[in-house]
Protein backbone atom coordinates (compact mmCIF):
# COMPACT_ATOMS: atom_id res chain seq x y z
CA MET A 1 0.00 0.00 0.00
CA GLN A 2 1.26 3.49 -0.85
CA ILE A 3 2.01 5.64 2.21
CA GLN A 4 -0.20 8.49 0.99
CA ASP A 5 -3.12 6.09 0.45
CA PHE A 6 -2.63 4.80 4.00
CA GLU A 7 -2.64 8.35 5.34
CA ASN A 8 -5.72 9.31 3.33
CA ILE A 9 -7.70 6.47 4.90
CA ILE A 10 -6.73 7.61 8.40
CA ILE A 11 -7.77 11.20 7.66
CA SER A 12 -11.00 10.15 5.97
CA GLU A 13 -12.13 7.85 8.78
CA ILE A 14 -11.33 10.29 11.59
CA LYS A 15 -12.91 13.16 9.71
CA LYS A 16 -16.11 11.15 9.20
CA VAL A 17 -16.39 10.58 12.94
CA VAL A 18 -16.01 14.27 13.78
CA VAL A 19 -18.37 15.38 10.99
CA ASN A 20 -20.95 12.97 12.39
CA ILE A 21 -20.52 14.39 15.91
CA ILE A 22 -21.06 17.92 14.63
CA ALA A 23 -24.06 16.88 12.52
CA LYS A 24 -25.69 15.58 15.70
CA ASN A 25 -24.70 18.70 17.64
CA PRO A 26 -24.66 21.71 15.29
CA THR A 27 -24.76 24.10 18.26
CA LEU A 28 -23.40 23.97 21.79
CA PRO A 29 -24.56 25.85 24.90
CA ILE A 30 -21.29 27.75 25.18
CA ALA A 31 -21.35 31.55 25.20
CA VAL A 32 -18.92 33.26 22.84
CA LYS A 33 -18.27 36.98 22.93
CA LYS A 34 -17.03 38.63 19.72
CA GLY A 35 -13.58 37.29 18.90
CA GLU A 36 -13.44 35.13 22.02
CA ARG A 37 -11.91 31.64 22.01
CA GLN A 38 -13.66 28.67 23.54
CA GLY A 39 -11.28 25.99 22.34
CA ASP A 40 -10.89 24.07 25.60
CA ALA A 41 -14.62 23.57 26.16
CA ILE A 42 -15.19 22.51 22.55
CA SER A 43 -12.21 20.15 22.59
CA LYS A 44 -13.45 18.43 25.74
CA PHE A 45 -16.87 17.95 24.12
CA LEU A 46 -15.26 16.44 21.01
CA GLU A 47 -12.95 14.19 23.04
CA THR A 48 -15.83 12.62 24.94
CA ASN A 49 -17.97 12.10 21.87
CA PHE A 50 -15.12 10.78 19.72
CA VAL A 51 -14.50 8.00 22.22
CA LYS A 52 -18.22 7.13 22.20
CA GLU A 53 -18.49 7.20 18.41
CA THR A 54 -15.53 4.86 17.88
CA GLN A 55 -16.39 2.14 20.37
CA ASN A 56 -17.33 -0.23 17.56
CA HIS A 57 -15.51 1.37 14.66
CA GLN A 58 -14.16 -0.67 11.77
CA PHE A 59 -10.71 0.98 11.75
CA LEU A 60 -10.40 3.09 14.91
CA LYS A 61 -9.89 1.08 18.08
CA ASN A 62 -9.28 1.67 21.79
CA SER A 63 -9.88 5.41 21.66
CA SER A 64 -9.23 7.31 24.86
CA ALA A 65 -9.56 10.97 25.81
CA SER A 66 -6.87 12.97 27.56
CA PRO A 67 -6.85 12.43 31.34
CA THR A 68 -9.07 14.87 33.19
CA GLY A 69 -7.26 17.40 35.32
CA LYS A 70 -4.03 17.01 33.39
CA THR A 71 -3.18 20.27 31.64
CA LYS A 72 -0.11 19.06 29.74
CA ASN A 73 -0.96 16.05 27.64
CA PRO A 74 0.44 15.18 24.20
CA TYR A 75 -3.03 14.50 22.75
CA ASP A 76 -6.72 15.28 23.13
CA VAL A 77 -7.62 11.79 21.90
CA GLU A 78 -5.42 8.78 21.40
CA THR A 79 -6.76 6.18 19.00
CA PHE A 80 -5.36 3.22 17.07
CA PHE A 81 -5.87 2.86 13.36
CA VAL A 82 -6.01 -0.85 12.56
CA HIS A 83 -5.71 -1.93 8.94
CA LYS A 84 -5.06 -5.56 8.05
CA ASN A 85 -2.14 -6.59 10.25
CA HIS A 86 -0.92 -3.10 11.06
CA LYS A 87 -1.81 -1.07 14.17
CA GLU A 88 -0.87 2.62 14.15
CA LYS A 89 -1.10 4.89 17.19
CA ILE A 90 -2.67 8.25 16.28
CA TRP A 91 -2.63 11.33 18.49
CA ILE A 92 -5.45 13.74 17.74
CA ASP A 93 -5.27 17.41 18.68
CA PHE A 94 -8.58 19.27 18.31
CA LYS A 95 -8.33 22.90 17.24
CA ALA A 96 -11.59 24.84 17.54
CA VAL A 97 -11.17 28.11 15.66
CA ASN A 98 -13.43 31.14 15.86
CA VAL A 99 -13.92 32.29 12.24
CA GLU A 100 -13.81 35.90 13.42
CA ASN A 101 -10.12 35.41 14.20
CA GLN A 102 -8.69 34.57 10.79
CA ASN A 103 -5.16 35.69 11.65
CA THR A 104 -4.94 33.56 14.76
CA ASN A 105 -2.17 31.00 15.22
CA PRO A 106 -3.13 29.00 18.31
CA ASP A 107 -0.44 27.01 20.07
CA SER A 108 -0.48 23.45 18.77
CA GLY A 109 1.79 21.65 21.19
CA THR A 110 5.47 21.02 21.41
CA PRO A 111 7.53 19.41 18.62
CA ASN A 112 8.72 16.98 21.28
CA LYS A 113 5.48 15.09 20.63
CA VAL A 114 6.89 14.02 17.27
CA PHE A 115 9.99 12.60 18.93
CA GLU A 116 7.92 10.94 21.63
CA LEU A 117 5.67 9.24 19.08
CA MET A 118 8.57 8.00 17.00
CA LEU A 119 11.09 7.08 19.71
CA LYS A 120 8.79 5.68 22.41
CA PHE A 121 5.91 4.26 20.38
CA ASN A 122 7.33 3.65 16.90
CA SER A 123 4.48 5.72 15.45
CA PHE A 124 4.41 8.89 13.42
CA TYR A 125 1.05 10.58 13.09
CA LEU A 126 -0.04 13.65 15.00
CA LEU A 127 -3.33 14.77 13.47
CA TYR A 128 -4.85 18.21 13.92
CA VAL A 129 -8.62 18.22 13.57
CA VAL A 130 -9.75 21.80 12.99
CA ILE A 131 -13.36 22.79 13.67
CA TYR A 132 -14.74 26.22 12.89
CA TYR A 133 -17.37 28.02 14.95
CA THR A 134 -18.96 31.36 15.66
CA GLY A 135 -20.96 32.80 18.53
CA LEU A 136 -24.70 33.15 18.06
CA SER A 137 -26.54 36.43 18.53
CA ASP A 138 -28.21 35.17 21.73
CA ASN A 139 -24.77 35.34 23.42
CA LYS A 140 -25.47 31.96 24.99
CA ASN A 141 -24.58 29.46 22.27
CA LEU A 142 -22.07 28.78 19.55
CA GLN A 143 -22.62 27.24 16.14
CA PHE A 144 -20.26 25.10 14.09
CA VAL A 145 -19.81 26.61 10.64
CA ASP A 146 -18.18 25.80 7.30
CA TYR A 147 -14.91 27.27 6.13
CA ASN A 148 -13.98 26.71 2.49
CA ASN A 149 -17.04 24.47 2.19
CA GLU A 150 -16.05 22.10 4.98
CA LYS A 151 -16.92 21.92 8.65
CA VAL A 152 -13.93 19.81 9.60
CA LYS A 153 -10.37 20.05 8.40
CA ALA A 154 -8.05 17.17 9.28
CA VAL A 155 -4.35 17.67 8.63
CA PHE A 156 -1.30 15.80 9.84
CA LEU A 157 1.43 17.89 11.39
CA LYS A 158 3.63 16.64 8.55
CA ASP A 159 1.39 18.44 6.06
CA VAL A 160 0.76 21.83 7.68
CA GLU A 161 1.35 25.00 5.69
CA ASN A 162 4.89 26.26 5.10
CA SER A 163 4.75 29.27 7.44
CA MET A 164 4.39 26.99 10.45
CA HIS A 165 6.88 28.07 13.09
CA ILE A 166 8.04 27.13 16.56
CA THR A 167 7.86 29.81 19.23
CA PRO A 168 10.61 30.58 21.77
CA ALA A 169 8.44 28.70 24.28
CA ASN A 170 8.77 25.62 22.02
CA GLN A 171 5.17 25.66 20.80
CA ILE A 172 4.16 24.83 17.23
CA GLN A 173 2.01 27.47 15.56
CA PHE A 174 0.36 27.32 12.14
CA ASN A 175 -2.48 29.11 10.39
CA ALA A 176 -5.53 26.87 10.58
CA PHE A 177 -7.15 28.74 7.68
CA LYS A 178 -4.37 28.07 5.17
CA PRO A 179 -4.45 24.98 2.91
CA SER A 180 -2.35 22.00 3.90
CA LEU A 181 0.74 21.02 1.92
CA TYR A 182 1.54 17.35 1.38
CA ARG A 183 5.01 16.14 2.35
CA THR A 184 6.47 12.69 2.49
CA ARG A 185 7.38 11.50 5.95
CA GLU A 186 11.07 12.01 5.24
CA GLN A 187 10.44 15.49 3.85
CA PHE A 188 8.61 16.34 7.05
CA ILE A 189 11.54 15.25 9.22
CA GLU A 190 13.77 17.62 7.24
CA PHE A 191 11.10 20.36 7.47
CA LEU A 192 10.84 19.94 11.25
CA PHE A 193 14.58 20.19 11.74
CA ASP A 194 14.68 23.31 9.54
CA LYS A 195 12.01 24.91 11.75
CA LEU A 196 13.90 23.91 14.90
CA ILE A 197 17.04 25.52 13.50
CA GLU A 198 15.11 28.71 12.71
CA THR A 199 13.63 29.05 16.19
CA ASN A 200 16.94 28.35 17.91
CA GLN A 201 18.69 30.90 15.71
CA ARG A 202 16.09 33.48 16.74
CA LYS A 203 16.50 32.57 20.40
CA PHE A 204 20.28 32.76 20.08
CA LEU A 205 20.15 36.25 18.53
CA ASP A 206 17.66 37.42 21.16
CA ALA A 207 19.88 36.05 23.93
CA GLN A 208 22.91 37.78 22.43
CA GLN A 209 21.03 41.08 22.32
CA GLN A 210 19.83 40.71 25.89
CA LEU A 211 23.30 39.73 27.09
CA GLU A 212 24.90 42.79 25.49
CA LEU A 213 22.35 45.02 27.18
CA LEU A 214 22.87 43.32 30.54
CA LYS A 215 26.59 44.03 30.29
CA GLN A 216 25.59 47.70 29.99
CA LYS A 217 23.37 47.32 33.09
CA LYS A 218 20.23 47.46 30.94
CA TYR A 219 17.36 45.05 30.34
CA LEU A 220 14.81 44.73 27.55
CA VAL A 221 11.18 44.30 28.64
CA PRO A 222 7.88 44.25 26.70
CA SER A 223 6.35 47.66 25.95
CA THR A 224 3.30 46.57 27.95
CA ILE A 225 5.53 46.74 31.04
CA TYR A 226 7.58 49.81 30.18
CA ILE A 227 6.87 52.01 27.17
CA ASN A 228 10.56 52.59 26.40
CA LYS A 229 11.27 48.83 26.59
CA GLU A 230 14.93 49.38 27.52
CA VAL A 231 15.33 49.63 31.30
CA ASP A 232 18.51 51.00 32.81
CA ILE A 233 19.60 49.69 36.22
CA SER A 234 19.73 53.29 37.48
CA LEU A 235 15.97 53.60 36.95
CA LEU A 236 15.33 50.60 39.19
CA LYS A 237 17.71 51.97 41.82
CA ASN A 238 15.91 55.35 41.78
CA ILE A 239 12.51 53.68 42.15
CA ASN A 240 13.85 51.62 45.03
CA CYS A 241 15.42 54.67 46.69
CA ASN A 242 12.12 56.57 46.56
CA GLN A 243 10.28 53.61 48.06
CA GLU A 244 12.84 53.24 50.85
CA ASN A 245 12.58 56.94 51.70
CA ILE A 246 8.80 56.63 52.00
CA ILE A 247 9.17 53.66 54.33
CA LYS A 248 11.84 55.39 56.43
CA ASN A 249 9.58 58.41 56.91
CA LEU A 250 6.64 56.39 58.19
């Protein structure tokens, strides 16, 4: 069997399950203010129902949702795709996207998940299942909606769009509205390492800049903290001196 054919079956079967869940539940009693995200609540709903829907599935076996109360988990749903004599572990990450936020790049987990899947479990596939929604005018419910004529987009991490990047906090980000881009598994490994190089180069340059400033007794902070961004140690000492004088004069 061709690898791409194998992958297409996985995507098709998982997508069918999620489409069916949404068809049964086109709205949810979750309030959404304009532009607000409700990803966690939607993901938990999908996790629970995915496990129910695949209890007697032809290809998807032993589905389980992420443990409750555990904030850092490598998947929302773990399932096993069984085809002939092969059993493939699949980690599903649900991404519920408010269509009012078309420039959003929600965090999509750490790239370490790829290494964990391959090194610990001899598996490969991390699948993002993207669902689009909008808040209803009653301010009490949300509705699942189509984007580009589909309610559900299922894309392997290996096939996400080219501008995918890894943040300094080691989180994958990609634009859920952009079309996917097919890569072979080997091409993806190269792609991932290229992205890891890029993020570490950025971190290295940022660290160099911060180090040079520190040598000058300065520190760079976000403009939300200090409008000038660059803080001189003398400023902190003056603030402290004023505070100490107030305390001494109590």
